[in-house]
Amino acid sequence: MSNDYGPVSWWNEEEVLSNCSLLFRNELNDSRCELAILLVGDSDMREINLLRRGKDKT
């Protein structure tokens, strides 16, 4: 896995897929698990949360 800044050193795809299959083993049976992760900074996360809160109020 990599991002706009280069490779992600802590990412272990095999471990993530194993954990994903454990989490969804009963719900998805033998279905493949697809996973997307968005890494953002604190200021971006605050903005996302503000937008979500505004959406939840409507």
PDB file of N, CA and C in Angstrom:
ATOM      1  N   MET A   1       0.838  -1.174   0.000  1.00  0.00           N
ATOM      2  CA  MET A   1       0.000   0.000   0.000  1.00  0.00           C
ATOM      3  C   MET A   1       0.883   1.237   0.000  1.00  0.00           C
ATOM      4  N   SER A   2       0.413   2.274  -0.664  1.00  0.00           N
ATOM      5  CA  SER A   2       1.126   3.542  -0.641  1.00  0.00           C
ATOM      6  C   SER A   2       0.102   4.669  -0.662  1.00  0.00           C
ATOM      7  N   ASN A   3       0.574   5.874  -0.482  1.00  0.00           N
ATOM      8  CA  ASN A   3      -0.289   7.039  -0.547  1.00  0.00           C
ATOM      9  C   ASN A   3       0.437   8.124  -1.328  1.00  0.00           C
ATOM     10  N   ASP A   4      -0.074   9.333  -1.290  1.00  0.00           N
ATOM     11  CA  ASP A   4       0.554  10.431  -2.030  1.00  0.00           C
ATOM     12  C   ASP A   4       1.954  10.756  -1.523  1.00  0.00           C
ATOM     13  N   TYR A   5       2.271  10.315  -0.309  1.00  0.00           N
ATOM     14  CA  TYR A   5       3.551  10.638   0.306  1.00  0.00           C
ATOM     15  C   TYR A   5       4.552   9.497   0.229  1.00  0.00           C
ATOM     16  N   GLY A   6       4.168   8.356  -0.335  1.00  0.00           N
ATOM     17  CA  GLY A   6       5.068   7.215  -0.453  1.00  0.00           C
ATOM     18  C   GLY A   6       4.501   5.988   0.237  1.00  0.00           C
ATOM     19  N   PRO A   7       5.313   4.948   0.393  1.00  0.00           N
ATOM     20  CA  PRO A   7       4.841   3.706   1.010  1.00  0.00           C
ATOM     21  C   PRO A   7       4.449   3.907   2.472  1.00  0.00           C
ATOM     22  N   VAL A   8       3.484   3.117   2.915  1.00  0.00           N
ATOM     23  CA  VAL A   8       3.050   3.143   4.315  1.00  0.00           C
ATOM     24  C   VAL A   8       3.742   1.980   5.019  1.00  0.00           C
ATOM     25  N   SER A   9       4.673   2.295   5.911  1.00  0.00           N
ATOM     26  CA  SER A   9       5.534   1.267   6.503  1.00  0.00           C
ATOM     27  C   SER A   9       4.794   0.335   7.455  1.00  0.00           C
ATOM     28  N   TRP A  10       3.730   0.808   8.127  1.00  0.00           N
ATOM     29  CA  TRP A  10       3.053  -0.017   9.121  1.00  0.00           C
ATOM     30  C   TRP A  10       1.980  -0.914   8.521  1.00  0.00           C
ATOM     31  N   TRP A  11       1.697  -0.766   7.244  1.00  0.00           N
ATOM     32  CA  TRP A  11       0.601  -1.509   6.612  1.00  0.00           C
ATOM     33  C   TRP A  11       1.025  -2.943   6.326  1.00  0.00           C
ATOM     34  N   ASN A  12       0.273  -3.891   6.831  1.00  0.00           N
ATOM     35  CA  ASN A  12       0.517  -5.302   6.562  1.00  0.00           C
ATOM     36  C   ASN A  12      -0.767  -5.860   5.956  1.00  0.00           C
ATOM     37  N   GLU A  13      -0.813  -5.927   4.628  1.00  0.00           N
ATOM     38  CA  GLU A  13      -2.039  -6.298   3.922  1.00  0.00           C
ATOM     39  C   GLU A  13      -2.544  -7.672   4.351  1.00  0.00           C
ATOM     40  N   GLU A  14      -1.646  -8.619   4.522  1.00  0.00           N
ATOM     41  CA  GLU A  14      -2.048  -9.972   4.915  1.00  0.00           C
ATOM     42  C   GLU A  14      -2.758  -9.959   6.271  1.00  0.00           C
ATOM     43  N   GLU A  15      -2.221  -9.200   7.211  1.00  0.00           N
ATOM     44  CA  GLU A  15      -2.825  -9.112   8.543  1.00  0.00           C
ATOM     45  C   GLU A  15      -4.187  -8.417   8.494  1.00  0.00           C
ATOM     46  N   VAL A  16      -4.288  -7.355   7.702  1.00  0.00           N
ATOM     47  CA  VAL A  16      -5.559  -6.633   7.583  1.00  0.00           C
ATOM     48  C   VAL A  16      -6.626  -7.528   6.965  1.00  0.00           C
ATOM     49  N   LEU A  17      -6.284  -8.252   5.910  1.00  0.00           N
ATOM     50  CA  LEU A  17      -7.251  -9.148   5.276  1.00  0.00           C
ATOM     51  C   LEU A  17      -7.672 -10.262   6.225  1.00  0.00           C
ATOM     52  N   SER A  18      -6.741 -10.763   7.011  1.00  0.00           N
ATOM     53  CA  SER A  18      -7.064 -11.787   7.999  1.00  0.00           C
ATOM     54  C   SER A  18      -8.034 -11.240   9.037  1.00  0.00           C
ATOM     55  N   ASN A  19      -7.756 -10.041   9.552  1.00  0.00           N
ATOM     56  CA  ASN A  19      -8.649  -9.421  10.538  1.00  0.00           C
ATOM     57  C   ASN A  19     -10.007  -9.111   9.941  1.00  0.00           C
ATOM     58  N   CYS A  20     -10.018  -8.684   8.691  1.00  0.00           N
ATOM     59  CA  CYS A  20     -11.272  -8.382   8.008  1.00  0.00           C
ATOM     60  C   CYS A  20     -12.121  -9.644   7.885  1.00  0.00           C
ATOM     61  N   SER A  21     -11.505 -10.752   7.523  1.00  0.00           N
ATOM     62  CA  SER A  21     -12.262 -11.998   7.385  1.00  0.00           C
ATOM     63  C   SER A  21     -12.790 -12.467   8.738  1.00  0.00           C
ATOM     64  N   LEU A  22     -12.042 -12.210   9.816  1.00  0.00           N
ATOM     65  CA  LEU A  22     -12.539 -12.553  11.150  1.00  0.00           C
ATOM     66  C   LEU A  22     -13.742 -11.704  11.523  1.00  0.00           C
ATOM     67  N   LEU A  23     -13.673 -10.407  11.222  1.00  0.00           N
ATOM     68  CA  LEU A  23     -14.766  -9.506  11.578  1.00  0.00           C
ATOM     69  C   LEU A  23     -16.062  -9.864  10.869  1.00  0.00           C
ATOM     70  N   PHE A  24     -15.955 -10.259   9.601  1.00  0.00           N
ATOM     71  CA  PHE A  24     -17.144 -10.469   8.786  1.00  0.00           C
ATOM     72  C   PHE A  24     -17.426 -11.934   8.476  1.00  0.00           C
ATOM     73  N   ARG A  25     -16.801 -12.861   9.191  1.00  0.00           N
ATOM     74  CA  ARG A  25     -16.921 -14.277   8.841  1.00  0.00           C
ATOM     75  C   ARG A  25     -18.356 -14.780   8.904  1.00  0.00           C
ATOM     76  N   ASN A  26     -19.136 -14.325   9.866  1.00  0.00           N
ATOM     77  CA  ASN A  26     -20.518 -14.792   9.982  1.00  0.00           C
ATOM     78  C   ASN A  26     -21.441 -14.072   9.009  1.00  0.00           C
ATOM     79  N   GLU A  27     -21.213 -12.786   8.812  1.00  0.00           N
ATOM     80  CA  GLU A  27     -22.111 -11.999   7.978  1.00  0.00           C
ATOM     81  C   GLU A  27     -21.907 -12.240   6.485  1.00  0.00           C
ATOM     82  N   LEU A  28     -20.662 -12.414   6.064  1.00  0.00           N
ATOM     83  CA  LEU A  28     -20.372 -12.512   4.639  1.00  0.00           C
ATOM     84  C   LEU A  28     -19.985 -13.910   4.174  1.00  0.00           C
ATOM     85  N   ASN A  29     -19.881 -14.842   5.099  1.00  0.00           N
ATOM     86  CA  ASN A  29     -19.461 -16.207   4.783  1.00  0.00           C
ATOM     87  C   ASN A  29     -18.182 -16.215   3.955  1.00  0.00           C
ATOM     88  N   ASP A  30     -18.257 -16.672   2.710  1.00  0.00           N
ATOM     89  CA  ASP A  30     -17.053 -16.809   1.886  1.00  0.00           C
ATOM     90  C   ASP A  30     -16.821 -15.633   0.937  1.00  0.00           C
ATOM     91  N   SER A  31     -17.559 -14.551   1.110  1.00  0.00           N
ATOM     92  CA  SER A  31     -17.391 -13.395   0.227  1.00  0.00           C
ATOM     93  C   SER A  31     -16.061 -12.711   0.491  1.00  0.00           C
ATOM     94  N   ARG A  32     -15.459 -12.191  -0.581  1.00  0.00           N
ATOM     95  CA  ARG A  32     -14.225 -11.420  -0.412  1.00  0.00           C
ATOM     96  C   ARG A  32     -14.534 -10.110   0.282  1.00  0.00           C
ATOM     97  N   CYS A  33     -13.625  -9.672   1.071  1.00  0.00           N
ATOM     98  CA  CYS A  33     -13.781  -8.420   1.806  1.00  0.00           C
ATOM     99  C   CYS A  33     -12.963  -7.332   1.119  1.00  0.00           C
ATOM    100  N   GLU A  34     -13.583  -6.238   0.769  1.00  0.00           N
ATOM    101  CA  GLU A  34     -12.882  -5.097   0.187  1.00  0.00           C
ATOM    102  C   GLU A  34     -12.778  -4.024   1.259  1.00  0.00           C
ATOM    103  N   LEU A  35     -11.633  -3.380   1.347  1.00  0.00           N
ATOM    104  CA  LEU A  35     -11.397  -2.398   2.392  1.00  0.00           C
ATOM    105  C   LEU A  35     -10.745  -1.160   1.801  1.00  0.00           C
ATOM    106  N   ALA A  36     -11.297   0.003   2.112  1.00  0.00           N
ATOM    107  CA  ALA A  36     -10.693   1.270   1.701  1.00  0.00           C
ATOM    108  C   ALA A  36     -10.449   2.101   2.949  1.00  0.00           C
ATOM    109  N   ILE A  37      -9.284   2.721   3.017  1.00  0.00           N
ATOM    110  CA  ILE A  37      -8.930   3.544   4.162  1.00  0.00           C
ATOM    111  C   ILE A  37      -8.545   4.929   3.666  1.00  0.00           C
ATOM    112  N   LEU A  38      -9.089   5.935   4.315  1.00  0.00           N
ATOM    113  CA  LEU A  38      -8.746   7.312   4.003  1.00  0.00           C
ATOM    114  C   LEU A  38      -7.964   7.883   5.178  1.00  0.00           C
ATOM    115  N   LEU A  39      -6.722   8.275   4.926  1.00  0.00           N
ATOM    116  CA  LEU A  39      -5.892   8.864   5.975  1.00  0.00           C
ATOM    117  C   LEU A  39      -5.923  10.380   5.824  1.00  0.00           C
ATOM    118  N   VAL A  40      -6.368  11.068   6.877  1.00  0.00           N
ATOM    119  CA  VAL A  40      -6.451  12.529   6.838  1.00  0.00           C
ATOM    120  C   VAL A  40      -5.813  13.115   8.091  1.00  0.00           C
ATOM    121  N   GLY A  41      -5.458  14.370   8.009  1.00  0.00           N
ATOM    122  CA  GLY A  41      -4.893  15.071   9.154  1.00  0.00           C
ATOM    123  C   GLY A  41      -5.984  15.553  10.097  1.00  0.00           C
ATOM    124  N   ASP A  42      -5.576  16.048  11.254  1.00  0.00           N
ATOM    125  CA  ASP A  42      -6.526  16.504  12.268  1.00  0.00           C
ATOM    126  C   ASP A  42      -7.434  17.620  11.769  1.00  0.00           C
ATOM    127  N   SER A  43      -6.871  18.609  11.077  1.00  0.00           N
ATOM    128  CA  SER A  43      -7.694  19.732  10.622  1.00  0.00           C
ATOM    129  C   SER A  43      -8.727  19.267   9.598  1.00  0.00           C
ATOM    130  N   ASP A  44      -8.332  18.354   8.709  1.00  0.00           N
ATOM    131  CA  ASP A  44      -9.284  17.814   7.736  1.00  0.00           C
ATOM    132  C   ASP A  44     -10.366  16.999   8.428  1.00  0.00           C
ATOM    133  N   MET A  45      -9.995  16.240   9.452  1.00  0.00           N
ATOM    134  CA  MET A  45     -10.975  15.432  10.174  1.00  0.00           C
ATOM    135  C   MET A  45     -11.981  16.319  10.892  1.00  0.00           C
ATOM    136  N   ARG A  46     -11.515  17.431  11.463  1.00  0.00           N
ATOM    137  CA  ARG A  46     -12.438  18.374  12.110  1.00  0.00           C
ATOM    138  C   ARG A  46     -13.445  18.903  11.098  1.00  0.00           C
ATOM    139  N   GLU A  47     -12.974  19.243   9.901  1.00  0.00           N
ATOM    140  CA  GLU A  47     -13.873  19.757   8.864  1.00  0.00           C
ATOM    141  C   GLU A  47     -14.876  18.689   8.434  1.00  0.00           C
ATOM    142  N   ILE A  48     -14.424  17.467   8.270  1.00  0.00           N
ATOM    143  CA  ILE A  48     -15.324  16.365   7.907  1.00  0.00           C
ATOM    144  C   ILE A  48     -16.391  16.185   8.981  1.00  0.00           C
ATOM    145  N   ASN A  49     -15.988  16.217  10.253  1.00  0.00           N
ATOM    146  CA  ASN A  49     -16.949  16.057  11.347  1.00  0.00           C
ATOM    147  C   ASN A  49     -17.956  17.195  11.387  1.00  0.00           C
ATOM    148  N   LEU A  50     -17.505  18.430  11.142  1.00  0.00           N
ATOM    149  CA  LEU A  50     -18.434  19.560  11.106  1.00  0.00           C
ATOM    150  C   LEU A  50     -19.451  19.384   9.983  1.00  0.00           C
ATOM    151  N   LEU A  51     -18.992  18.952   8.820  1.00  0.00           N
ATOM    152  CA  LEU A  51     -19.901  18.713   7.697  1.00  0.00           C
ATOM    153  C   LEU A  51     -20.890  17.598   8.018  1.00  0.00           C
ATOM    154  N   ARG A  52     -20.411  16.531   8.653  1.00  0.00           N
ATOM    155  CA  ARG A  52     -21.295  15.425   9.029  1.00  0.00           C
ATOM    156  C   ARG A  52     -22.358  15.888  10.011  1.00  0.00           C
ATOM    157  N   ARG A  53     -21.953  16.660  11.015  1.00  0.00           N
ATOM    158  CA  ARG A  53     -22.917  17.137  12.011  1.00  0.00           C
ATOM    159  C   ARG A  53     -23.984  18.000  11.360  1.00  0.00           C
ATOM    160  N   GLY A  54     -23.583  18.843  10.421  1.00  0.00           N
ATOM    161  CA  GLY A  54     -24.547  19.670   9.709  1.00  0.00           C
ATOM    162  C   GLY A  54     -25.508  18.824   8.899  1.00  0.00           C
ATOM    163  N   LYS A  55     -25.002  17.766   8.291  1.00  0.00           N
ATOM    164  CA  LYS A  55     -25.839  16.863   7.499  1.00  0.00           C
ATOM    165  C   LYS A  55     -26.816  16.115   8.390  1.00  0.00           C
ATOM    166  N   ASP A  56     -26.356  15.695   9.581  1.00  0.00           N
ATOM    167  CA  ASP A  56     -27.214  14.938  10.486  1.00  0.00           C
ATOM    168  C   ASP A  56     -28.380  15.768  11.002  1.00  0.00           C
ATOM    169  N   LYS A  57     -28.234  17.091  11.034  1.00  0.00           N
ATOM    170  CA  LYS A  57     -29.287  17.965  11.559  1.00  0.00           C
ATOM    171  C   LYS A  57     -30.397  18.193  10.552  1.00  0.00           C
ATOM    172  N   THR A  58     -30.152  17.912   9.270  1.00  0.00           N
ATOM    173  CA  THR A  58     -31.170  18.165   8.245  1.00  0.00           C
ATOM    174  C   THR A  58     -32.119  17.011   8.119  1.00  0.00           C
TER     175      THR A  58
END
